[in-house]
Structure formats: structure tokens, C-alpha cells
Amino acid sequence: MYKFITSILVVSLLVVGAAGCSNDDGKTKKDNQNATQQKELNIKQNKELTKKVKDEKGVLDGQVYEQDNMAYGTLILDKKVSEKDAKKLAEKYAEELKDEYKGKKVNVQAVRNGKNVANITKE
């Protein structure tokens, strides 16, 4: 009986120890899925312009990328950014993308508080 209880205890400790040592919170798997999805959709992020967008005052998040024959800019704005400033910022990046991606159609969208406040397309 003593061997049986000891065996159960050892197995339990091994299972708990193995589970506790794992530091994979699913992030690696999620990152790999995102990269795969982007590749399948033929999306190529412009890291330099994405960083520039994110560094703008009033921008919480954003991204610049190209897909097929279009260049896109997305701006997620702080709720304190006025509609006028949101449109100016979107226009600024639409012009910048047009210069960067010559010959491609450009679309820049600015979202504030869950609502699209600017949607600029340039042929």
C-alpha cells in the first residue's frame, strides 16, 4: 500500500511540475498564427512608417502595410483628438503613403472611440 501511495504522489508531482514549468502563455502560437495569416493574405507591413504612426501625438495604435496593389494606413486615436486633427493626421499619412507607394492606390482610416472619423482614399 505504501508503494502505491508513493507512486501516486510521485506521478502527481511530475504532472504538476511539468505544468508549472511551462511558460508558454499561447503568445508564441498566436504570433505564429498572425504571421501565417498575413502571409496568406499577402500583407507586407511597413515597419518604419508603422513606428512613425505610433509615435504621433494622440495615436494609440496604428499600422501601415501594403496588400496586393494597395497601401493602407490605420490610425487608432485617443478620444481627446478632435475630428479636425484626426482628418489632418489621416491626410498627412495619405500623402506620405502616396509618395512611398507610387503607382498604388492608398487608403488611410482614422478611428476614434470605435468610430471611423476619417477615411481617405487616393488613386
C-alpha atoms as a PDB file:
ATOM      1  CA  MET A   1       0.000   0.000   0.000  1.00  0.00           C
ATOM      2  CA  TYR A   2       2.859   2.346   0.865  1.00  0.00           C
ATOM      3  CA  LYS A   3       4.404   1.858  -2.624  1.00  0.00           C
ATOM      4  CA  PHE A   4       1.066   2.608  -4.285  1.00  0.00           C
ATOM      5  CA  ILE A   5       0.586   5.918  -2.418  1.00  0.00           C
ATOM      6  CA  THR A   6       4.196   6.892  -3.069  1.00  0.00           C
ATOM      7  CA  SER A   7       3.781   6.103  -6.775  1.00  0.00           C
ATOM      8  CA  ILE A   8       0.613   8.231  -6.975  1.00  0.00           C
ATOM      9  CA  LEU A   9       2.358  11.071  -5.143  1.00  0.00           C
ATOM     10  CA  VAL A  10       5.400  10.942  -7.466  1.00  0.00           C
ATOM     11  CA  VAL A  11       3.228  10.893 -10.600  1.00  0.00           C
ATOM     12  CA  SER A  12       1.147  13.805  -9.284  1.00  0.00           C
ATOM     13  CA  LEU A  13       4.242  15.850  -8.532  1.00  0.00           C
ATOM     14  CA  LEU A  14       5.634  15.190 -12.006  1.00  0.00           C
ATOM     15  CA  VAL A  15       2.398  16.282 -13.669  1.00  0.00           C
ATOM     16  CA  VAL A  16       2.115  19.441 -11.546  1.00  0.00           C
ATOM     17  CA  GLY A  17       5.804  20.203 -12.024  1.00  0.00           C
ATOM     18  CA  ALA A  18       5.610  19.829 -15.799  1.00  0.00           C
ATOM     19  CA  ALA A  19       2.563  22.070 -15.983  1.00  0.00           C
ATOM     20  CA  GLY A  20       4.147  24.667 -13.706  1.00  0.00           C
ATOM     21  CA  CYS A  21       7.395  24.829 -15.676  1.00  0.00           C
ATOM     22  CA  SER A  22       5.662  25.732 -18.891  1.00  0.00           C
ATOM     23  CA  ASN A  23       5.864  29.474 -19.539  1.00  0.00           C
ATOM     24  CA  ASP A  24       4.157  29.371 -22.912  1.00  0.00           C
ATOM     25  CA  ASP A  25       1.098  31.523 -22.463  1.00  0.00           C
ATOM     26  CA  GLY A  26      -0.048  30.933 -26.025  1.00  0.00           C
ATOM     27  CA  LYS A  27       1.643  34.103 -27.275  1.00  0.00           C
ATOM     28  CA  THR A  28       4.147  32.263 -29.472  1.00  0.00           C
ATOM     29  CA  LYS A  29       1.374  30.243 -31.064  1.00  0.00           C
ATOM     30  CA  LYS A  30      -0.722  33.395 -31.592  1.00  0.00           C
ATOM     31  CA  ASP A  31       2.241  35.273 -33.120  1.00  0.00           C
ATOM     32  CA  ASN A  32       2.866  32.384 -35.497  1.00  0.00           C
ATOM     33  CA  GLN A  33      -0.814  32.324 -36.499  1.00  0.00           C
ATOM     34  CA  ASN A  34      -0.781  36.086 -37.185  1.00  0.00           C
ATOM     35  CA  ALA A  35       2.356  35.792 -39.308  1.00  0.00           C
ATOM     36  CA  THR A  36       0.842  32.904 -41.253  1.00  0.00           C
ATOM     37  CA  GLN A  37      -2.417  34.786 -41.818  1.00  0.00           C
ATOM     38  CA  GLN A  38      -0.537  37.868 -43.041  1.00  0.00           C
ATOM     39  CA  LYS A  39       1.488  35.735 -45.430  1.00  0.00           C
ATOM     40  CA  GLU A  40      -1.633  34.032 -46.789  1.00  0.00           C
ATOM     41  CA  LEU A  41      -3.302  37.409 -47.340  1.00  0.00           C
ATOM     42  CA  ASN A  42      -0.160  38.808 -48.994  1.00  0.00           C
ATOM     43  CA  ILE A  43       0.195  41.573 -46.375  1.00  0.00           C
ATOM     44  CA  LYS A  44       3.540  43.310 -46.002  1.00  0.00           C
ATOM     45  CA  GLN A  45       3.885  45.681 -43.049  1.00  0.00           C
ATOM     46  CA  ASN A  46       5.981  48.819 -43.414  1.00  0.00           C
ATOM     47  CA  LYS A  47       7.703  48.742 -40.024  1.00  0.00           C
ATOM     48  CA  GLU A  48       9.333  52.159 -40.382  1.00  0.00           C
ATOM     49  CA  LEU A  49       6.097  54.000 -41.191  1.00  0.00           C
ATOM     50  CA  THR A  50       4.166  51.947 -38.627  1.00  0.00           C
ATOM     51  CA  LYS A  51       6.599  53.123 -35.943  1.00  0.00           C
ATOM     52  CA  LYS A  52       6.258  56.705 -37.161  1.00  0.00           C
ATOM     53  CA  VAL A  53       2.448  56.492 -36.966  1.00  0.00           C
ATOM     54  CA  LYS A  54       2.570  55.036 -33.457  1.00  0.00           C
ATOM     55  CA  ASP A  55       4.905  57.831 -32.328  1.00  0.00           C
ATOM     56  CA  GLU A  56       2.414  60.539 -33.361  1.00  0.00           C
ATOM     57  CA  LYS A  57       0.826  62.508 -30.547  1.00  0.00           C
ATOM     58  CA  GLY A  58      -2.726  61.284 -29.970  1.00  0.00           C
ATOM     59  CA  VAL A  59      -2.227  57.954 -31.758  1.00  0.00           C
ATOM     60  CA  LEU A  60      -2.785  54.941 -29.502  1.00  0.00           C
ATOM     61  CA  ASP A  61      -2.006  52.337 -32.158  1.00  0.00           C
ATOM     62  CA  GLY A  62      -1.703  52.054 -35.901  1.00  0.00           C
ATOM     63  CA  GLN A  63      -0.199  50.246 -38.818  1.00  0.00           C
ATOM     64  CA  VAL A  64       0.997  50.884 -42.340  1.00  0.00           C
ATOM     65  CA  TYR A  65       1.002  47.971 -44.744  1.00  0.00           C
ATOM     66  CA  GLU A  66       0.566  47.014 -48.349  1.00  0.00           C
ATOM     67  CA  GLN A  67      -1.636  44.301 -49.729  1.00  0.00           C
ATOM     68  CA  ASP A  68      -1.708  43.459 -53.401  1.00  0.00           C
ATOM     69  CA  ASN A  69      -1.833  46.797 -55.269  1.00  0.00           C
ATOM     70  CA  MET A  70      -2.902  48.981 -52.334  1.00  0.00           C
ATOM     71  CA  ALA A  71      -1.211  50.681 -49.404  1.00  0.00           C
ATOM     72  CA  TYR A  72      -3.130  51.077 -46.164  1.00  0.00           C
ATOM     73  CA  GLY A  73      -2.733  53.182 -43.069  1.00  0.00           C
ATOM     74  CA  THR A  74      -4.770  52.662 -39.925  1.00  0.00           C
ATOM     75  CA  LEU A  75      -4.753  55.064 -37.011  1.00  0.00           C
ATOM     76  CA  ILE A  76      -6.377  54.329 -33.663  1.00  0.00           C
ATOM     77  CA  LEU A  77      -6.734  57.709 -31.985  1.00  0.00           C
ATOM     78  CA  ASP A  78      -7.117  58.858 -28.416  1.00  0.00           C
ATOM     79  CA  LYS A  79     -10.625  60.096 -27.685  1.00  0.00           C
ATOM     80  CA  LYS A  80      -9.150  63.561 -26.967  1.00  0.00           C
ATOM     81  CA  VAL A  81      -8.114  64.031 -30.628  1.00  0.00           C
ATOM     82  CA  SER A  82     -10.529  66.411 -32.379  1.00  0.00           C
ATOM     83  CA  GLU A  83     -12.239  65.434 -35.613  1.00  0.00           C
ATOM     84  CA  LYS A  84     -10.358  68.212 -37.401  1.00  0.00           C
ATOM     85  CA  ASP A  85      -6.990  66.948 -36.118  1.00  0.00           C
ATOM     86  CA  ALA A  86      -7.940  63.357 -36.952  1.00  0.00           C
ATOM     87  CA  LYS A  87      -8.649  64.322 -40.560  1.00  0.00           C
ATOM     88  CA  LYS A  88      -5.412  66.321 -40.798  1.00  0.00           C
ATOM     89  CA  LEU A  89      -3.434  63.364 -39.474  1.00  0.00           C
ATOM     90  CA  ALA A  90      -5.124  60.943 -41.879  1.00  0.00           C
ATOM     91  CA  GLU A  91      -4.496  63.333 -44.783  1.00  0.00           C
ATOM     92  CA  LYS A  92      -0.837  63.665 -43.772  1.00  0.00           C
ATOM     93  CA  TYR A  93      -0.335  59.900 -43.899  1.00  0.00           C
ATOM     94  CA  ALA A  94      -2.356  59.504 -47.089  1.00  0.00           C
ATOM     95  CA  GLU A  95       0.072  61.922 -48.768  1.00  0.00           C
ATOM     96  CA  GLU A  96       3.069  60.176 -47.242  1.00  0.00           C
ATOM     97  CA  LEU A  97       1.854  56.762 -48.377  1.00  0.00           C
ATOM     98  CA  LYS A  98       1.174  58.104 -51.864  1.00  0.00           C
ATOM     99  CA  ASP A  99       4.810  59.253 -52.028  1.00  0.00           C
ATOM    100  CA  GLU A 100       6.113  55.974 -50.585  1.00  0.00           C
ATOM    101  CA  TYR A 101       3.961  53.680 -52.729  1.00  0.00           C
ATOM    102  CA  LYS A 102       3.982  55.351 -56.120  1.00  0.00           C
ATOM    103  CA  GLY A 103       1.514  53.812 -58.559  1.00  0.00           C
ATOM    104  CA  LYS A 104      -0.555  52.175 -55.825  1.00  0.00           C
ATOM    105  CA  LYS A 105      -3.952  53.162 -54.540  1.00  0.00           C
ATOM    106  CA  VAL A 106      -3.791  54.432 -50.939  1.00  0.00           C
ATOM    107  CA  ASN A 107      -6.362  54.233 -48.147  1.00  0.00           C
ATOM    108  CA  VAL A 108      -5.942  55.736 -44.678  1.00  0.00           C
ATOM    109  CA  GLN A 109      -8.531  55.360 -41.949  1.00  0.00           C
ATOM    110  CA  ALA A 110      -8.602  57.001 -38.537  1.00  0.00           C
ATOM    111  CA  VAL A 111     -10.719  55.523 -35.771  1.00  0.00           C
ATOM    112  CA  ARG A 112     -11.529  57.304 -32.538  1.00  0.00           C
ATOM    113  CA  ASN A 113     -13.615  55.806 -29.770  1.00  0.00           C
ATOM    114  CA  GLY A 114     -14.673  52.924 -32.039  1.00  0.00           C
ATOM    115  CA  LYS A 115     -15.939  55.214 -34.821  1.00  0.00           C
ATOM    116  CA  ASN A 116     -14.350  55.920 -38.166  1.00  0.00           C
ATOM    117  CA  VAL A 117     -13.630  59.670 -38.190  1.00  0.00           C
ATOM    118  CA  ALA A 118     -11.563  59.814 -41.382  1.00  0.00           C
ATOM    119  CA  ASN A 119     -11.410  57.638 -44.474  1.00  0.00           C
ATOM    120  CA  ILE A 120      -9.163  58.978 -47.212  1.00  0.00           C
ATOM    121  CA  THR A 121      -8.527  57.219 -50.497  1.00  0.00           C
ATOM    122  CA  LYS A 122      -6.072  58.426 -53.142  1.00  0.00           C
ATOM    123  CA  GLU A 123      -5.796  56.898 -56.594  1.00  0.00           C
END
